[in-house]
Every structure is written in C-alpha cells, then in structure tokens.
Amino acid sequence: MSEPVKRQVLFGAACAGMFIFGIVGALLGTLFGLPDVRVRLDLSLGRQGNLFSILYLGLLATTLVSGPTIDRYGSRVVLLLSSVLVAAGLAGFAAGAGYRAAIVSALALGIGGGGLNIATNTVVSDLYPQVRGRMLNYLGVFFGAGALSVPLLSSSFGPRVSIGALLVSFAVLAGACAVTYGSLAFPPAREATGFSPRDIPAAVRRPGVALLAALLFFQTGNEASVSGWVSTYVGHAGWSARTATAVLAVYWVTVMVGRALAGRLHGRLSSAFLLVLCGAGSMAGCAWLMASHSLWMLVGASVVTSASLAGVYPTALAIAGDRYQRFAGTVFGTLFSVGALGGMALPSALGHLSEAAGLRTGMVVPLLGTAAVTLLAVAGWRRNAERSGE
C-alpha cells in the first residue's frame, strides 16, 4: 500500500515544482505589461527582449548539467537547489531597481526554472511509464496554473497589493517547496553506478532526437514570444495595463485547458498526429493575432494560439520518454537545452524587430516559428507512419 501513496506524493511534489516554474514563465510577460515596473527597471522594447534572452540563457546553463546530474544522482538535489534560486530571483525583482538588477534576477530565475522544469518532467516520466503522455500533460496543467496566478492576482488585487508584495509571496512559496524537497525520499537514480559524461553523446545520438530538438527550439521560442509579449501587444494597441494583464490571464487559463484536453486525447490520437494538429492551430492563431485590432479579436486570437501551443511541449517530451527511457534525464536535458536556445533567440528577435519596425511587425517572429513547428511535426508524423508500415 505504501508504493501508490509514495507515487502520489511525489507526483504532487512535481506538480508544485511545475507550478513554481509556471510563475517563472509568466513573470516577465506580466511585469512588462505594467508601465510603473518598466520605469523602475528602466526598460525599452529592446531591453525587454534582452531580459528574455538572459532568462533563457539561465535555462540553457542549468539544463546542460541538470540532465546528467539527474541520471547520476537523482532529482532531489536539482529540485531543492532550483527552488532556492527561483526564490532569490523573485525577491530580486520585488526589491530591485534598474536594468542591472533585472539582469541578475532574470538569470537566477532562468537557472532555477530550468532545473525545476527538467527535474519535474523526469520524475513524472519515471513514475508513470505506462501513461507517460497523459501524466506529462496533466503535469503541464500546473505550469499553466502557476503562470495564470501571476497576471490573475496582479490584475485582481490592483492597487490594494503591490506587485512587490506579490513577488515576495511567490518567493516564500518557492522556499517552502525547497524545504519539502529536502524532506522527501525520491527513487534512486537510473544510472547511480557506471554513468560517465562520455555516455552523453551516445545517449543523444538516437533516431528522432534531432528532429524533436529542432521542434522544441521553435516551440520554446514561440511560447516565450507569445506569452511574454501579448500583454505588451495589447497595451500598445491602446488598452489599459489592467486590460492587458487580464488578456494575459485568459491566455494562461487556456493553456491549462489545452493541456488537460491534450492529456485526454492521448491514446485516442497518436502523439505524432497530435503534434501536427497543435502546430497548425498555433500557426493559425498567430496569423489571427497579427491581424487583430479590436479587443475581442485579440482575446480570440490569444485563446486559439495558447490552446494550440499548450499540447506541443508535453507531447514531444512523452515521445522522447517513450523512446529513450534509459537516459531520460540526459535526453530531456538535451531537448530543454536546445529549446532554451529558441527561448533566447525568438523573443529577443521579436523585441528588436518591434523596436525597429513596430510591434505588429515583430509578431511575424512567432508566426514563422509556429510554421516551423508544423513542418517538423508533419515530418515526424510521416517518419512514424513509415516506421509503423515496415
């Protein structure tokens, strides 16, 4: 009787970590939609793009080492240290002023968030090998819940609670997660003996890993671009900061719904075909977002885009987890690292293009990114069909 209870407890702990990572994912997009925060941090559109790159630089740095660390030592140490770093980054954004303070805080958030992302996904992938795709999508719902909490609480409390006080509350929550991880017993590492960094190239040079890595490069960039810029986009269309934050909250609600729906569709549709549907939907949503002028058009476009983007990441990870179980941490780390490069490149390109030619023109970046995801998903689907026919 103890094993099912243990598995449920660890899944709950993973969900808490993913909730914190959701806060990391939504934070910059929310802060950039608040004019007083942009003034306090001395931000231009170009600097906003730079901060996204710095956040994802932190993600890249930690995922390069977190995967092998998890395979060698297990997930506990990565979860604990990552929670502490996220708490420090949140406290930094709450108290800091100026661009340099924002850079340090964004880097801490990126390093900590990257560790939480790979460790929680690896834990759930290991706990539920028979229903991996479904449970990874359900885990992703908690990313949406954490992301939603930032704009929702910010717009709901308004002037009654400062954004600084809200960030301190989130920092305390991250610290509580660190304490919890320190007290829990996790399963032993898969490669607790005999693992060497020299095994990494062999682990990642597997058929299909390169295709999944390329897909997640564009997908991470698309998610960071749309979620990070939608509130700024609404604000530049003439709507108030509170309205822009509310639209961002709707975006994250739809992410939660989209991932729950994707979880239900696993088993009814193949993972490869589900990726194709999500890619096509997100491309249509980005095109609609570029063409939108009214508030309701912007909301509708955000809903379609977020619902479609939501299922791509966990579905791609489920495919990787099914195919590469022995070095799941290392393969996940490789995929997250390549994805982090996309998170660095695309939002930064959007910011600098927007500063030069206008924000509506800048939104062509996620449109092209979603087109790339769709093409790669189709290639994977056809490759899977050919393998099934052999």
Protein backbone atom coordinates (compact mmCIF):
# COMPACT_ATOMS: atom_id res chain seq x y z
CA MET A 1 0.00 0.00 0.00
CA SER A 2 2.94 2.35 0.55
CA GLU A 3 4.10 2.48 -3.07
CA PRO A 4 0.94 4.06 -4.58
CA VAL A 5 0.86 6.64 -1.77
CA LYS A 6 4.54 7.42 -2.37
CA ARG A 7 3.94 7.84 -6.06
CA GLN A 8 1.04 10.22 -5.43
CA VAL A 9 3.12 12.28 -3.00
CA LEU A 10 5.98 12.57 -5.47
CA PHE A 11 3.59 13.50 -8.27
CA GLY A 12 2.16 16.21 -6.04
CA ALA A 13 5.68 17.47 -5.29
CA ALA A 14 6.45 17.53 -9.02
CA CYS A 15 3.24 19.47 -9.66
CA ALA A 16 4.26 22.03 -7.02
CA GLY A 17 7.61 22.47 -8.75
CA MET A 18 5.92 22.87 -12.11
CA PHE A 19 3.59 25.47 -10.55
CA ILE A 20 6.66 27.45 -9.49
CA PHE A 21 8.13 27.09 -12.97
CA GLY A 22 4.85 28.45 -14.34
CA ILE A 23 5.36 31.55 -12.21
CA VAL A 24 8.81 31.92 -13.76
CA GLY A 25 7.36 31.50 -17.25
CA ALA A 26 4.71 34.19 -16.83
CA LEU A 27 6.59 36.70 -14.71
CA LEU A 28 8.36 38.77 -17.35
CA GLY A 29 5.28 38.99 -19.54
CA THR A 30 3.26 40.31 -16.61
CA LEU A 31 5.90 42.75 -15.39
CA PHE A 32 6.45 44.15 -18.88
CA GLY A 33 2.74 44.94 -19.15
CA LEU A 34 2.95 47.28 -16.11
CA PRO A 35 4.22 50.79 -17.01
CA ASP A 36 5.48 51.54 -13.48
CA VAL A 37 7.61 48.39 -13.49
CA ARG A 38 9.08 49.25 -16.88
CA VAL A 39 10.05 52.65 -15.47
CA ARG A 40 11.51 51.16 -12.25
CA LEU A 41 13.60 48.68 -14.23
CA ASP A 42 14.49 51.23 -16.97
CA LEU A 43 13.24 49.05 -19.84
CA SER A 44 12.88 49.69 -23.57
CA LEU A 45 11.39 47.17 -26.00
CA GLY A 46 14.91 46.07 -26.88
CA ARG A 47 15.85 45.60 -23.23
CA GLN A 48 12.68 43.59 -22.67
CA GLY A 49 13.84 41.25 -25.41
CA ASN A 50 17.29 41.09 -23.83
CA LEU A 51 15.83 40.02 -20.47
CA PHE A 52 14.03 37.14 -22.15
CA SER A 53 17.35 36.08 -23.65
CA ILE A 54 19.02 36.27 -20.23
CA LEU A 55 16.23 34.22 -18.65
CA TYR A 56 16.66 31.53 -21.27
CA LEU A 57 20.43 31.73 -21.01
CA GLY A 58 19.95 30.65 -17.40
CA LEU A 59 17.64 27.86 -18.54
CA LEU A 60 20.26 26.73 -21.03
CA ALA A 61 23.05 26.76 -18.47
CA THR A 62 21.19 24.65 -15.96
CA THR A 63 19.71 22.15 -18.40
CA LEU A 64 23.17 21.37 -19.78
CA VAL A 65 24.12 19.97 -16.38
CA SER A 66 20.78 19.02 -14.82
CA GLY A 67 20.06 16.08 -17.12
CA PRO A 68 23.31 14.19 -16.43
CA THR A 69 23.08 15.19 -12.76
CA ILE A 70 19.60 13.66 -12.51
CA ASP A 71 20.72 10.48 -14.26
CA ARG A 72 23.70 10.20 -11.89
CA TYR A 73 22.32 11.47 -8.57
CA GLY A 74 18.53 11.65 -8.93
CA SER A 75 16.08 14.55 -8.99
CA ARG A 76 16.04 15.63 -5.35
CA VAL A 77 19.15 17.82 -5.31
CA VAL A 78 18.16 19.58 -8.55
CA LEU A 79 14.64 20.31 -7.28
CA LEU A 80 15.91 21.70 -3.97
CA LEU A 81 18.61 23.98 -5.35
CA SER A 82 16.41 25.18 -8.19
CA SER A 83 13.63 26.21 -5.80
CA VAL A 84 16.11 28.27 -3.77
CA LEU A 85 17.35 30.08 -6.90
CA VAL A 86 13.81 30.88 -8.04
CA ALA A 87 13.03 32.32 -4.60
CA ALA A 88 16.12 34.54 -4.86
CA GLY A 89 15.19 35.73 -8.36
CA LEU A 90 11.63 36.60 -7.33
CA ALA A 91 12.90 38.52 -4.32
CA GLY A 92 15.31 40.36 -6.62
CA PHE A 93 12.54 41.53 -8.94
CA ALA A 94 10.49 42.59 -5.91
CA ALA A 95 13.21 44.77 -4.40
CA GLY A 96 15.47 45.68 -7.33
CA ALA A 97 15.58 48.85 -9.38
CA GLY A 98 17.33 49.44 -12.67
CA TYR A 99 18.30 47.27 -15.60
CA ARG A 100 21.30 45.61 -13.92
CA ALA A 101 19.16 44.33 -11.04
CA ALA A 102 16.69 42.96 -13.58
CA ILE A 103 19.50 41.12 -15.39
CA VAL A 104 20.71 39.37 -12.20
CA SER A 105 17.17 38.45 -11.16
CA ALA A 106 16.27 37.13 -14.61
CA LEU A 107 19.41 34.97 -14.67
CA ALA A 108 18.61 33.47 -11.25
CA LEU A 109 15.05 32.74 -12.36
CA GLY A 110 16.31 31.10 -15.54
CA ILE A 111 18.80 28.85 -13.78
CA GLY A 112 16.30 27.81 -11.12
CA GLY A 113 13.39 27.47 -13.52
CA GLY A 114 15.36 25.27 -15.89
CA GLY A 115 16.21 22.87 -13.08
CA LEU A 116 12.58 22.67 -11.95
CA ASN A 117 11.41 22.05 -15.49
CA ILE A 118 13.70 19.14 -16.31
CA ALA A 119 13.53 17.54 -12.84
CA THR A 120 9.74 17.58 -12.55
CA ASN A 121 9.27 16.18 -16.06
CA THR A 122 11.85 13.47 -15.41
CA VAL A 123 10.20 12.47 -12.11
CA VAL A 124 6.76 12.15 -13.69
CA SER A 125 8.14 10.33 -16.73
CA ASP A 126 9.73 7.78 -14.40
CA LEU A 127 6.69 7.43 -12.13
CA TYR A 128 4.17 6.74 -14.92
CA PRO A 129 5.84 4.77 -17.74
CA GLN A 130 2.55 3.26 -18.94
CA VAL A 131 0.65 6.56 -19.22
CA ARG A 132 3.57 8.94 -19.69
CA GLY A 133 1.96 11.22 -22.28
CA ARG A 134 -1.22 11.70 -20.28
CA MET A 135 0.55 12.42 -16.99
CA LEU A 136 3.08 14.82 -18.54
CA ASN A 137 0.20 16.82 -19.99
CA TYR A 138 -1.51 16.81 -16.59
CA LEU A 139 1.77 18.00 -15.06
CA GLY A 140 1.75 20.76 -17.65
CA VAL A 141 -1.62 21.94 -16.33
CA PHE A 142 0.18 23.04 -13.17
CA PHE A 143 2.59 25.09 -15.27
CA GLY A 144 -0.47 26.88 -16.60
CA ALA A 145 -1.86 27.29 -13.08
CA GLY A 146 1.38 28.86 -11.85
CA ALA A 147 1.61 31.08 -14.90
CA LEU A 148 -2.03 32.13 -14.52
CA SER A 149 -1.55 33.08 -10.87
CA VAL A 150 0.83 35.94 -11.74
CA PRO A 151 -1.38 38.05 -14.05
CA LEU A 152 -4.59 36.96 -12.32
CA LEU A 153 -3.52 38.07 -8.85
CA SER A 154 -1.84 41.17 -10.24
CA SER A 155 -4.99 42.33 -12.06
CA SER A 156 -7.38 41.21 -9.30
CA PHE A 157 -5.67 42.97 -6.40
CA GLY A 158 -4.68 46.01 -8.44
CA PRO A 159 -3.56 48.92 -6.25
CA ARG A 160 -4.51 47.15 -2.98
CA VAL A 161 -1.47 44.85 -3.14
CA SER A 162 1.76 45.96 -4.79
CA ILE A 163 3.49 43.78 -7.35
CA GLY A 164 6.47 43.71 -4.99
CA ALA A 165 4.42 42.16 -2.18
CA LEU A 166 3.02 39.60 -4.62
CA LEU A 167 6.52 38.62 -5.74
CA VAL A 168 7.66 38.21 -2.13
CA SER A 169 4.71 35.85 -1.53
CA PHE A 170 5.76 33.78 -4.53
CA ALA A 171 9.35 33.73 -3.23
CA VAL A 172 8.13 32.33 0.10
CA LEU A 173 6.19 29.64 -1.77
CA ALA A 174 9.32 28.64 -3.70
CA GLY A 175 11.25 28.45 -0.44
CA ALA A 176 8.58 26.19 1.05
CA CYS A 177 8.98 23.86 -1.95
CA ALA A 178 12.72 23.68 -1.28
CA VAL A 179 12.08 22.62 2.31
CA THR A 180 9.59 19.98 1.12
CA TYR A 181 12.01 18.51 -1.41
CA GLY A 182 14.64 18.25 1.30
CA SER A 183 12.30 16.12 3.40
CA LEU A 184 11.07 13.70 0.72
CA ALA A 185 12.63 10.43 -0.40
CA PHE A 186 12.95 10.12 -4.18
CA PRO A 187 13.58 6.98 -6.25
CA PRO A 188 17.27 6.14 -6.82
CA ALA A 189 18.96 7.45 -9.94
CA ARG A 190 18.66 5.23 -13.02
CA GLU A 191 22.40 5.35 -13.63
CA ALA A 192 23.55 5.50 -10.00
CA THR A 193 26.59 3.40 -10.94
CA GLY A 194 28.67 3.38 -14.07
CA PHE A 195 27.43 6.64 -15.55
CA SER A 196 30.04 8.83 -17.22
CA PRO A 197 29.71 12.13 -19.10
CA ARG A 198 31.26 10.25 -22.03
CA ASP A 199 27.93 8.42 -22.32
CA ILE A 200 26.07 11.61 -23.19
CA PRO A 201 26.83 11.70 -26.96
CA ALA A 202 25.72 8.09 -27.33
CA ALA A 203 22.56 8.83 -25.38
CA VAL A 204 21.53 11.80 -27.53
CA ARG A 205 22.61 10.49 -30.96
CA ARG A 206 19.41 8.48 -31.30
CA PRO A 207 17.00 8.50 -34.26
CA GLY A 208 14.46 11.25 -33.84
CA VAL A 209 16.22 13.22 -31.10
CA ALA A 210 17.49 15.84 -33.56
CA LEU A 211 14.00 16.31 -35.02
CA LEU A 212 12.45 16.67 -31.56
CA ALA A 213 15.21 19.10 -30.54
CA ALA A 214 14.59 21.29 -33.60
CA LEU A 215 10.85 21.24 -32.95
CA LEU A 216 11.35 22.31 -29.32
CA PHE A 217 13.79 25.05 -30.39
CA PHE A 218 10.97 26.78 -32.24
CA GLN A 219 8.27 25.76 -29.77
CA THR A 220 10.08 27.24 -26.76
CA GLY A 221 10.71 30.43 -28.71
CA ASN A 222 7.06 30.59 -29.74
CA GLU A 223 5.78 30.10 -26.19
CA ALA A 224 8.17 32.70 -24.79
CA SER A 225 7.36 35.16 -27.58
CA VAL A 226 3.58 34.96 -27.37
CA SER A 227 3.21 34.67 -23.59
CA GLY A 228 5.94 37.23 -22.97
CA TRP A 229 4.70 39.85 -25.40
CA VAL A 230 0.91 39.51 -25.52
CA SER A 231 0.31 41.96 -22.65
CA THR A 232 2.72 44.49 -24.21
CA TYR A 233 1.00 43.94 -27.56
CA VAL A 234 -2.45 44.66 -26.07
CA GLY A 235 -1.09 47.71 -24.27
CA HIS A 236 0.42 49.09 -27.48
CA ALA A 237 -2.98 48.62 -29.15
CA GLY A 238 -4.30 51.27 -26.76
CA TRP A 239 -5.76 49.27 -23.89
CA SER A 240 -5.02 49.80 -20.21
CA ALA A 241 -2.40 47.87 -18.25
CA ARG A 242 -5.15 46.12 -16.28
CA THR A 243 -6.87 45.01 -19.50
CA ALA A 244 -3.57 43.82 -20.95
CA THR A 245 -2.89 41.77 -17.80
CA ALA A 246 -6.42 40.32 -17.93
CA VAL A 247 -5.85 39.17 -21.53
CA LEU A 248 -2.64 37.50 -20.39
CA ALA A 249 -4.61 35.75 -17.64
CA VAL A 250 -7.05 34.45 -20.26
CA TYR A 251 -4.07 33.20 -22.24
CA TRP A 252 -2.82 31.13 -19.28
CA VAL A 253 -6.29 29.79 -18.45
CA THR A 254 -6.44 28.47 -21.99
CA VAL A 255 -3.02 26.86 -21.61
CA MET A 256 -4.36 24.89 -18.65
CA VAL A 257 -7.46 23.83 -20.58
CA GLY A 258 -5.39 22.97 -23.66
CA ARG A 259 -3.01 20.73 -21.73
CA ALA A 260 -5.85 18.97 -19.92
CA LEU A 261 -7.52 18.37 -23.30
CA ALA A 262 -4.26 17.11 -24.81
CA GLY A 263 -3.97 14.69 -21.91
CA ARG A 264 -7.43 13.32 -22.68
CA LEU A 265 -6.58 12.94 -26.37
CA HIS A 266 -3.53 10.77 -25.67
CA GLY A 267 -4.48 7.22 -26.51
CA ARG A 268 -7.21 8.38 -28.89
CA LEU A 269 -4.80 10.08 -31.28
CA SER A 270 -1.18 9.24 -31.89
CA SER A 271 1.30 11.62 -30.28
CA ALA A 272 2.82 12.43 -33.67
CA PHE A 273 -0.55 13.41 -35.17
CA LEU A 274 -1.46 15.44 -32.08
CA LEU A 275 1.72 17.48 -32.63
CA VAL A 276 0.62 18.23 -36.20
CA LEU A 277 -2.79 19.46 -35.05
CA CYS A 278 -1.26 21.64 -32.34
CA GLY A 279 1.28 23.13 -34.73
CA ALA A 280 -1.34 24.00 -37.35
CA GLY A 281 -3.64 25.54 -34.75
CA SER A 282 -0.89 27.70 -33.25
CA MET A 283 0.14 28.93 -36.71
CA ALA A 284 -3.46 29.95 -37.45
CA GLY A 285 -3.70 31.66 -34.05
CA CYS A 286 -0.52 33.70 -34.61
CA ALA A 287 -1.77 34.84 -38.03
CA TRP A 288 -5.04 35.92 -36.41
CA LEU A 289 -3.13 37.72 -33.65
CA MET A 290 -1.19 39.75 -36.20
CA ALA A 291 -4.41 40.73 -37.99
CA SER A 292 -6.35 41.65 -34.81
CA HIS A 293 -7.29 45.23 -33.95
CA SER A 294 -10.30 45.02 -31.61
CA LEU A 295 -10.01 43.74 -28.05
CA TRP A 296 -12.25 40.74 -28.70
CA MET A 297 -10.23 39.80 -31.75
CA LEU A 298 -7.08 39.93 -29.64
CA VAL A 299 -8.68 37.76 -26.96
CA GLY A 300 -9.93 35.23 -29.52
CA ALA A 301 -6.55 35.03 -31.21
CA SER A 302 -4.81 34.59 -27.85
CA VAL A 303 -7.17 31.74 -26.94
CA VAL A 304 -6.63 29.86 -30.20
CA THR A 305 -2.86 30.34 -30.03
CA SER A 306 -2.47 29.30 -26.39
CA ALA A 307 -4.81 26.30 -26.69
CA SER A 308 -2.79 25.03 -29.64
CA LEU A 309 0.65 25.76 -28.20
CA ALA A 310 -0.26 24.08 -24.91
CA GLY A 311 -0.04 20.47 -26.05
CA VAL A 312 3.18 20.61 -28.05
CA TYR A 313 5.83 20.53 -25.33
CA PRO A 314 4.46 17.74 -23.10
CA THR A 315 3.53 15.63 -26.13
CA ALA A 316 7.05 15.94 -27.57
CA LEU A 317 8.51 15.02 -24.18
CA ALA A 318 6.21 11.99 -23.97
CA ILE A 319 7.54 10.80 -27.33
CA ALA A 320 11.11 11.24 -26.08
CA GLY A 321 10.34 9.50 -22.78
CA ASP A 322 8.78 6.52 -24.56
CA ARG A 323 11.70 6.07 -26.94
CA TYR A 324 14.71 6.89 -24.76
CA GLN A 325 13.94 5.60 -21.29
CA ARG A 326 17.42 4.62 -20.11
CA PHE A 327 18.90 8.13 -20.33
CA ALA A 328 15.65 10.06 -19.90
CA GLY A 329 17.29 12.81 -17.84
CA THR A 330 20.11 13.33 -20.34
CA VAL A 331 17.82 13.28 -23.37
CA PHE A 332 15.34 15.62 -21.65
CA GLY A 333 18.24 17.89 -20.72
CA THR A 334 19.40 17.97 -24.34
CA LEU A 335 15.91 18.81 -25.58
CA PHE A 336 15.46 21.52 -22.94
CA SER A 337 18.88 22.97 -23.77
CA VAL A 338 18.10 23.27 -27.47
CA GLY A 339 14.68 24.64 -26.55
CA ALA A 340 16.34 27.24 -24.33
CA LEU A 341 18.32 28.46 -27.35
CA GLY A 342 15.00 29.10 -29.08
CA GLY A 343 13.75 30.89 -25.99
CA MET A 344 16.82 33.11 -26.13
CA ALA A 345 16.64 33.82 -29.86
CA LEU A 346 12.99 34.33 -30.82
CA PRO A 347 11.71 36.73 -28.11
CA SER A 348 14.86 38.81 -28.43
CA ALA A 349 14.41 38.96 -32.21
CA LEU A 350 10.78 39.97 -31.66
CA GLY A 351 11.82 42.77 -29.30
CA HIS A 352 14.48 44.25 -31.53
CA LEU A 353 12.36 43.92 -34.67
CA SER A 354 9.47 45.60 -32.84
CA GLU A 355 11.71 48.46 -31.74
CA ALA A 356 12.81 48.97 -35.35
CA ALA A 357 9.56 48.37 -37.26
CA GLY A 358 6.69 48.24 -34.76
CA LEU A 359 5.26 45.55 -32.50
CA ARG A 360 2.76 44.26 -35.07
CA THR A 361 5.61 43.59 -37.49
CA GLY A 362 7.57 41.92 -34.71
CA MET A 363 4.79 39.36 -34.26
CA VAL A 364 5.87 37.78 -37.55
CA VAL A 365 8.56 36.02 -35.47
CA PRO A 366 6.18 33.61 -33.67
CA LEU A 367 4.18 33.21 -36.89
CA LEU A 368 7.26 31.87 -38.66
CA GLY A 369 8.16 29.84 -35.59
CA THR A 370 4.80 28.09 -35.48
CA ALA A 371 5.09 27.36 -39.20
CA ALA A 372 8.42 25.66 -38.49
CA VAL A 373 6.88 23.58 -35.68
CA THR A 374 4.10 22.48 -38.00
CA LEU A 375 6.52 21.40 -40.74
CA LEU A 376 8.70 19.48 -38.28
CA ALA A 377 5.64 17.82 -36.73
CA VAL A 378 4.47 16.69 -40.18
CA ALA A 379 7.95 15.28 -40.86
CA GLY A 380 7.84 13.37 -37.58
CA TRP A 381 4.34 12.09 -38.26
CA ARG A 382 5.36 10.80 -41.70
CA ARG A 383 8.51 9.23 -40.25
CA ASN A 384 6.43 7.49 -37.58
CA ALA A 385 3.97 6.24 -40.21
CA GLU A 386 6.81 4.83 -42.32
CA ARG A 387 8.26 3.01 -39.30
CA SER A 388 4.84 1.55 -38.46
CA GLY A 389 4.48 0.28 -42.01
CA GLU A 390 7.81 -1.53 -42.03
